[in-house]
Amino acid sequence: MPFKTRESYDAIVFELSGKFLGSIEGAAFKEKLDELKAAGKTKIVIDLSKADFMDSSGIGTLIGALAAMRKVDGDVKLACMKERIKNLFLLTRLLGPVFEDYDTVEDAAASMNM
């Protein structure tokens, strides 16, 4: 699962596509996050509109990203979740108490500037 990054408003958007398996993609994802954190870019939006599947290690990777960014007064928001992935976050009770989900990347990015 390749990912791309871009800037939207004051946030960095990670566009995930295909399968997000933390055990495989986690190292590259974490490396990019560390690079952004070092540059002071700590507002992250995860665009899941093109993600088809996520396993438990993928969720763990996102939890790690959230923890890392919150330690430096940043945040991670989820956007454009497909039903299958949204159900996984609901089942694990991470949606709401831990992660916030937005319908659009723009809404997620804007929520960090409130």
N, C-alpha and C. Protein backbone atom coordinates (compact mmCIF):
# COMPACT_ATOMS: atom_id res chain seq x y z
N MET A 1 0.83 -1.16 0.00
CA MET A 1 0.00 0.00 0.00
C MET A 1 0.88 1.23 0.00
N PRO A 2 0.94 1.87 -1.10
CA PRO A 2 1.68 3.13 -1.12
C PRO A 2 0.86 4.25 -0.47
N PHE A 3 1.56 5.26 0.00
CA PHE A 3 0.86 6.44 0.49
C PHE A 3 1.55 7.67 -0.07
N LYS A 4 0.76 8.71 -0.21
CA LYS A 4 1.27 10.00 -0.66
C LYS A 4 0.99 11.00 0.44
N THR A 5 1.76 12.07 0.47
CA THR A 5 1.47 13.15 1.40
C THR A 5 1.33 14.45 0.63
N ARG A 6 0.49 15.31 1.17
CA ARG A 6 0.30 16.65 0.60
C ARG A 6 -0.12 17.57 1.73
N GLU A 7 -0.07 18.85 1.47
CA GLU A 7 -0.47 19.82 2.48
C GLU A 7 -1.86 20.35 2.14
N SER A 8 -2.71 20.45 3.15
CA SER A 8 -4.05 21.01 2.99
C SER A 8 -4.33 21.88 4.20
N TYR A 9 -4.57 23.14 3.96
CA TYR A 9 -4.69 24.13 5.03
C TYR A 9 -3.39 24.08 5.83
N ASP A 10 -3.45 23.89 7.12
CA ASP A 10 -2.23 23.81 7.93
C ASP A 10 -1.89 22.37 8.30
N ALA A 11 -2.50 21.42 7.63
CA ALA A 11 -2.29 20.01 7.98
C ALA A 11 -1.57 19.27 6.86
N ILE A 12 -0.93 18.18 7.24
CA ILE A 12 -0.33 17.27 6.27
C ILE A 12 -1.31 16.11 6.09
N VAL A 13 -1.64 15.82 4.84
CA VAL A 13 -2.59 14.76 4.53
C VAL A 13 -1.83 13.53 4.02
N PHE A 14 -2.07 12.41 4.68
CA PHE A 14 -1.56 11.12 4.21
C PHE A 14 -2.69 10.48 3.42
N GLU A 15 -2.48 10.26 2.14
CA GLU A 15 -3.48 9.58 1.31
C GLU A 15 -3.10 8.11 1.23
N LEU A 16 -3.87 7.27 1.93
CA LEU A 16 -3.62 5.83 1.92
C LEU A 16 -4.44 5.19 0.81
N SER A 17 -3.88 4.19 0.15
CA SER A 17 -4.65 3.50 -0.89
C SER A 17 -4.39 2.00 -0.81
N GLY A 18 -5.40 1.24 -1.20
CA GLY A 18 -5.28 -0.22 -1.16
C GLY A 18 -5.33 -0.76 0.25
N LYS A 19 -4.42 -1.67 0.55
CA LYS A 19 -4.37 -2.30 1.88
C LYS A 19 -3.36 -1.58 2.76
N PHE A 20 -3.76 -1.30 4.00
CA PHE A 20 -2.83 -0.69 4.95
C PHE A 20 -2.51 -1.73 6.01
N LEU A 21 -1.37 -2.37 5.85
CA LEU A 21 -0.91 -3.40 6.77
C LEU A 21 0.28 -2.83 7.54
N GLY A 22 0.08 -2.51 8.79
CA GLY A 22 1.11 -1.86 9.59
C GLY A 22 2.42 -2.61 9.62
N SER A 23 2.35 -3.95 9.58
CA SER A 23 3.58 -4.73 9.64
C SER A 23 4.45 -4.53 8.40
N ILE A 24 3.83 -4.17 7.29
CA ILE A 24 4.56 -3.97 6.04
C ILE A 24 4.87 -2.49 5.81
N GLU A 25 3.85 -1.65 5.89
CA GLU A 25 4.01 -0.23 5.59
C GLU A 25 4.36 0.63 6.79
N GLY A 26 4.28 0.05 7.97
CA GLY A 26 4.45 0.82 9.20
C GLY A 26 5.77 1.56 9.31
N ALA A 27 6.86 0.94 8.89
CA ALA A 27 8.18 1.57 9.02
C ALA A 27 8.29 2.83 8.16
N ALA A 28 7.85 2.75 6.91
CA ALA A 28 7.90 3.92 6.02
C ALA A 28 6.97 5.02 6.52
N PHE A 29 5.81 4.62 7.01
CA PHE A 29 4.83 5.57 7.55
C PHE A 29 5.42 6.29 8.76
N LYS A 30 6.00 5.53 9.68
CA LYS A 30 6.60 6.12 10.89
C LYS A 30 7.78 7.02 10.54
N GLU A 31 8.57 6.60 9.58
CA GLU A 31 9.71 7.42 9.15
C GLU A 31 9.25 8.78 8.63
N LYS A 32 8.19 8.77 7.82
CA LYS A 32 7.65 10.02 7.29
C LYS A 32 7.09 10.88 8.42
N LEU A 33 6.40 10.27 9.37
CA LEU A 33 5.87 11.02 10.52
C LEU A 33 6.99 11.66 11.32
N ASP A 34 8.06 10.92 11.56
CA ASP A 34 9.20 11.45 12.31
C ASP A 34 9.81 12.65 11.59
N GLU A 35 9.90 12.55 10.28
CA GLU A 35 10.43 13.64 9.45
C GLU A 35 9.54 14.89 9.58
N LEU A 36 8.23 14.68 9.52
CA LEU A 36 7.29 15.80 9.64
C LEU A 36 7.34 16.41 11.04
N LYS A 37 7.39 15.55 12.04
CA LYS A 37 7.45 16.02 13.43
C LYS A 37 8.70 16.87 13.65
N ALA A 38 9.82 16.44 13.12
CA ALA A 38 11.07 17.19 13.25
C ALA A 38 10.98 18.55 12.57
N ALA A 39 10.15 18.63 11.53
CA ALA A 39 9.96 19.90 10.81
C ALA A 39 8.86 20.76 11.45
N GLY A 40 8.27 20.27 12.55
CA GLY A 40 7.24 21.03 13.24
C GLY A 40 5.85 20.90 12.64
N LYS A 41 5.68 19.94 11.75
CA LYS A 41 4.37 19.71 11.12
C LYS A 41 3.68 18.57 11.85
N THR A 42 2.80 18.92 12.79
CA THR A 42 2.23 17.92 13.69
C THR A 42 0.72 17.77 13.58
N LYS A 43 0.11 18.44 12.61
CA LYS A 43 -1.32 18.28 12.35
C LYS A 43 -1.45 17.35 11.15
N ILE A 44 -1.99 16.16 11.41
CA ILE A 44 -2.03 15.11 10.39
C ILE A 44 -3.47 14.68 10.12
N VAL A 45 -3.81 14.57 8.84
CA VAL A 45 -5.10 14.01 8.42
C VAL A 45 -4.80 12.74 7.63
N ILE A 46 -5.48 11.67 7.99
CA ILE A 46 -5.35 10.40 7.27
C ILE A 46 -6.56 10.27 6.34
N ASP A 47 -6.32 10.40 5.04
CA ASP A 47 -7.37 10.28 4.03
C ASP A 47 -7.52 8.80 3.68
N LEU A 48 -8.65 8.22 4.06
CA LEU A 48 -8.89 6.79 3.85
C LEU A 48 -9.84 6.51 2.68
N SER A 49 -10.07 7.50 1.83
CA SER A 49 -11.03 7.34 0.74
C SER A 49 -10.63 6.25 -0.25
N LYS A 50 -9.34 5.97 -0.38
CA LYS A 50 -8.88 4.95 -1.32
C LYS A 50 -8.35 3.70 -0.63
N ALA A 51 -8.49 3.64 0.69
CA ALA A 51 -8.04 2.47 1.45
C ALA A 51 -9.14 1.42 1.45
N ASP A 52 -8.79 0.20 1.07
CA ASP A 52 -9.77 -0.88 0.98
C ASP A 52 -9.76 -1.81 2.19
N PHE A 53 -8.62 -1.88 2.86
CA PHE A 53 -8.48 -2.85 3.95
C PHE A 53 -7.45 -2.35 4.94
N MET A 54 -7.67 -2.66 6.21
CA MET A 54 -6.70 -2.34 7.25
C MET A 54 -6.72 -3.47 8.26
N ASP A 55 -5.53 -3.91 8.68
CA ASP A 55 -5.46 -4.96 9.69
C ASP A 55 -5.15 -4.34 11.05
N SER A 56 -5.05 -5.19 12.07
CA SER A 56 -4.83 -4.68 13.42
C SER A 56 -3.49 -3.96 13.56
N SER A 57 -2.48 -4.40 12.82
CA SER A 57 -1.20 -3.69 12.90
C SER A 57 -1.28 -2.33 12.20
N GLY A 58 -2.15 -2.21 11.21
CA GLY A 58 -2.39 -0.91 10.58
C GLY A 58 -3.04 0.05 11.57
N ILE A 59 -4.01 -0.46 12.32
CA ILE A 59 -4.65 0.35 13.36
C ILE A 59 -3.61 0.73 14.41
N GLY A 60 -2.77 -0.21 14.79
CA GLY A 60 -1.71 0.07 15.76
C GLY A 60 -0.76 1.16 15.28
N THR A 61 -0.47 1.15 13.99
CA THR A 61 0.39 2.18 13.41
C THR A 61 -0.26 3.55 13.54
N LEU A 62 -1.57 3.62 13.30
CA LEU A 62 -2.29 4.89 13.42
C LEU A 62 -2.37 5.35 14.88
N ILE A 63 -2.55 4.41 15.80
CA ILE A 63 -2.56 4.76 17.22
C ILE A 63 -1.19 5.31 17.63
N GLY A 64 -0.13 4.69 17.14
CA GLY A 64 1.22 5.18 17.41
C GLY A 64 1.43 6.58 16.87
N ALA A 65 0.90 6.84 15.67
CA ALA A 65 1.00 8.17 15.07
C ALA A 65 0.26 9.20 15.92
N LEU A 66 -0.93 8.83 16.37
CA LEU A 66 -1.72 9.73 17.21
C LEU A 66 -0.98 10.06 18.51
N ALA A 67 -0.44 9.05 19.15
CA ALA A 67 0.29 9.26 20.41
C ALA A 67 1.51 10.14 20.19
N ALA A 68 2.25 9.88 19.11
CA ALA A 68 3.46 10.67 18.83
C ALA A 68 3.13 12.13 18.57
N MET A 69 2.07 12.38 17.83
CA MET A 69 1.72 13.77 17.51
C MET A 69 1.13 14.50 18.71
N ARG A 70 0.37 13.80 19.52
CA ARG A 70 -0.21 14.46 20.70
C ARG A 70 0.87 14.81 21.73
N LYS A 71 1.96 14.06 21.75
CA LYS A 71 3.06 14.38 22.67
C LYS A 71 3.69 15.73 22.36
N VAL A 72 3.56 16.17 21.12
CA VAL A 72 4.14 17.46 20.71
C VAL A 72 3.03 18.45 20.34
N ASP A 73 1.88 18.32 21.02
CA ASP A 73 0.72 19.20 20.83
C ASP A 73 0.15 19.16 19.41
N GLY A 74 0.32 18.06 18.72
CA GLY A 74 -0.28 17.88 17.41
C GLY A 74 -1.50 16.98 17.52
N ASP A 75 -1.98 16.50 16.38
CA ASP A 75 -3.14 15.61 16.39
C ASP A 75 -3.19 14.83 15.08
N VAL A 76 -3.98 13.77 15.09
CA VAL A 76 -4.24 12.97 13.90
C VAL A 76 -5.75 12.81 13.79
N LYS A 77 -6.30 13.17 12.64
CA LYS A 77 -7.73 13.01 12.37
C LYS A 77 -7.90 12.08 11.17
N LEU A 78 -9.00 11.36 11.16
CA LEU A 78 -9.31 10.45 10.06
C LEU A 78 -10.36 11.09 9.17
N ALA A 79 -10.28 10.83 7.87
CA ALA A 79 -11.25 11.40 6.93
C ALA A 79 -11.62 10.39 5.86
N CYS A 80 -12.85 10.51 5.39
CA CYS A 80 -13.34 9.76 4.22
C CYS A 80 -13.27 8.24 4.40
N MET A 81 -13.65 7.76 5.57
CA MET A 81 -13.58 6.32 5.83
C MET A 81 -14.65 5.56 5.06
N LYS A 82 -14.25 4.46 4.43
CA LYS A 82 -15.21 3.56 3.81
C LYS A 82 -15.89 2.76 4.92
N GLU A 83 -17.06 2.25 4.62
CA GLU A 83 -17.87 1.54 5.62
C GLU A 83 -17.12 0.39 6.29
N ARG A 84 -16.40 -0.38 5.50
CA ARG A 84 -15.69 -1.56 6.03
C ARG A 84 -14.65 -1.15 7.08
N ILE A 85 -13.89 -0.11 6.79
CA ILE A 85 -12.87 0.35 7.73
C ILE A 85 -13.51 1.06 8.91
N LYS A 86 -14.57 1.81 8.65
CA LYS A 86 -15.27 2.49 9.74
C LYS A 86 -15.81 1.47 10.74
N ASN A 87 -16.35 0.37 10.23
CA ASN A 87 -16.87 -0.69 11.12
C ASN A 87 -15.76 -1.28 11.99
N LEU A 88 -14.57 -1.41 11.45
CA LEU A 88 -13.43 -1.91 12.21
C LEU A 88 -13.10 -0.96 13.37
N PHE A 89 -13.12 0.33 13.11
CA PHE A 89 -12.84 1.31 14.17
C PHE A 89 -13.98 1.36 15.19
N LEU A 90 -15.21 1.15 14.74
CA LEU A 90 -16.33 1.10 15.68
C LEU A 90 -16.26 -0.15 16.54
N LEU A 91 -15.94 -1.28 15.93
CA LEU A 91 -15.84 -2.55 16.64
C LEU A 91 -14.77 -2.49 17.73
N THR A 92 -13.68 -1.83 17.44
CA THR A 92 -12.59 -1.72 18.40
C THR A 92 -12.79 -0.54 19.37
N ARG A 93 -13.88 0.16 19.19
CA ARG A 93 -14.25 1.31 20.04
C ARG A 93 -13.21 2.42 20.02
N LEU A 94 -12.58 2.57 18.88
CA LEU A 94 -11.59 3.63 18.72
C LEU A 94 -12.18 4.88 18.09
N LEU A 95 -13.30 4.72 17.40
CA LEU A 95 -13.93 5.87 16.75
C LEU A 95 -14.79 6.60 17.77
N GLY A 96 -14.47 7.84 18.01
CA GLY A 96 -15.18 8.62 19.03
C GLY A 96 -14.26 8.91 20.19
N PRO A 97 -13.99 7.92 21.03
CA PRO A 97 -13.13 8.20 22.19
C PRO A 97 -11.67 8.47 21.83
N VAL A 98 -11.16 7.84 20.76
CA VAL A 98 -9.74 7.98 20.43
C VAL A 98 -9.55 8.79 19.15
N PHE A 99 -10.17 8.35 18.08
CA PHE A 99 -10.05 9.03 16.78
C PHE A 99 -11.34 9.75 16.43
N GLU A 100 -11.19 10.88 15.75
CA GLU A 100 -12.33 11.59 15.19
C GLU A 100 -12.33 11.34 13.69
N ASP A 101 -13.53 11.13 13.13
CA ASP A 101 -13.69 10.88 11.71
C ASP A 101 -14.47 12.03 11.08
N TYR A 102 -14.03 12.46 9.92
CA TYR A 102 -14.69 13.55 9.20
C TYR A 102 -15.04 13.08 7.80
N ASP A 103 -16.09 13.69 7.23
CA ASP A 103 -16.53 13.32 5.89
C ASP A 103 -15.55 13.75 4.81
N THR A 104 -14.85 14.86 5.05
CA THR A 104 -13.90 15.36 4.06
C THR A 104 -12.55 15.67 4.70
N VAL A 105 -11.53 15.66 3.89
CA VAL A 105 -10.19 16.03 4.35
C VAL A 105 -10.20 17.48 4.82
N GLU A 106 -10.91 18.32 4.10
CA GLU A 106 -10.96 19.74 4.44
C GLU A 106 -11.58 19.95 5.82
N ASP A 107 -12.66 19.22 6.12
CA ASP A 107 -13.29 19.34 7.45
C ASP A 107 -12.34 18.88 8.55
N ALA A 108 -11.63 17.79 8.29
CA ALA A 108 -10.68 17.28 9.29
C ALA A 108 -9.56 18.28 9.53
N ALA A 109 -9.02 18.85 8.46
CA ALA A 109 -7.94 19.84 8.60
C ALA A 109 -8.44 21.08 9.31
N ALA A 110 -9.62 21.54 8.95
CA ALA A 110 -10.18 22.74 9.57
C ALA A 110 -10.45 22.54 11.06
N SER A 111 -10.79 21.31 11.46
CA SER A 111 -11.10 21.05 12.87
C SER A 111 -9.89 21.26 13.78
N MET A 112 -8.71 21.20 13.23
CA MET A 112 -7.50 21.38 14.03
C MET A 112 -7.14 22.85 14.22
N ASN A 113 -7.85 23.71 13.53
CA ASN A 113 -7.58 25.15 13.65
C ASN A 113 -8.63 25.86 14.48
N MET A 114 -9.46 25.11 15.15
CA MET A 114 -10.52 25.71 15.97
C MET A 114 -10.02 26.01 17.36
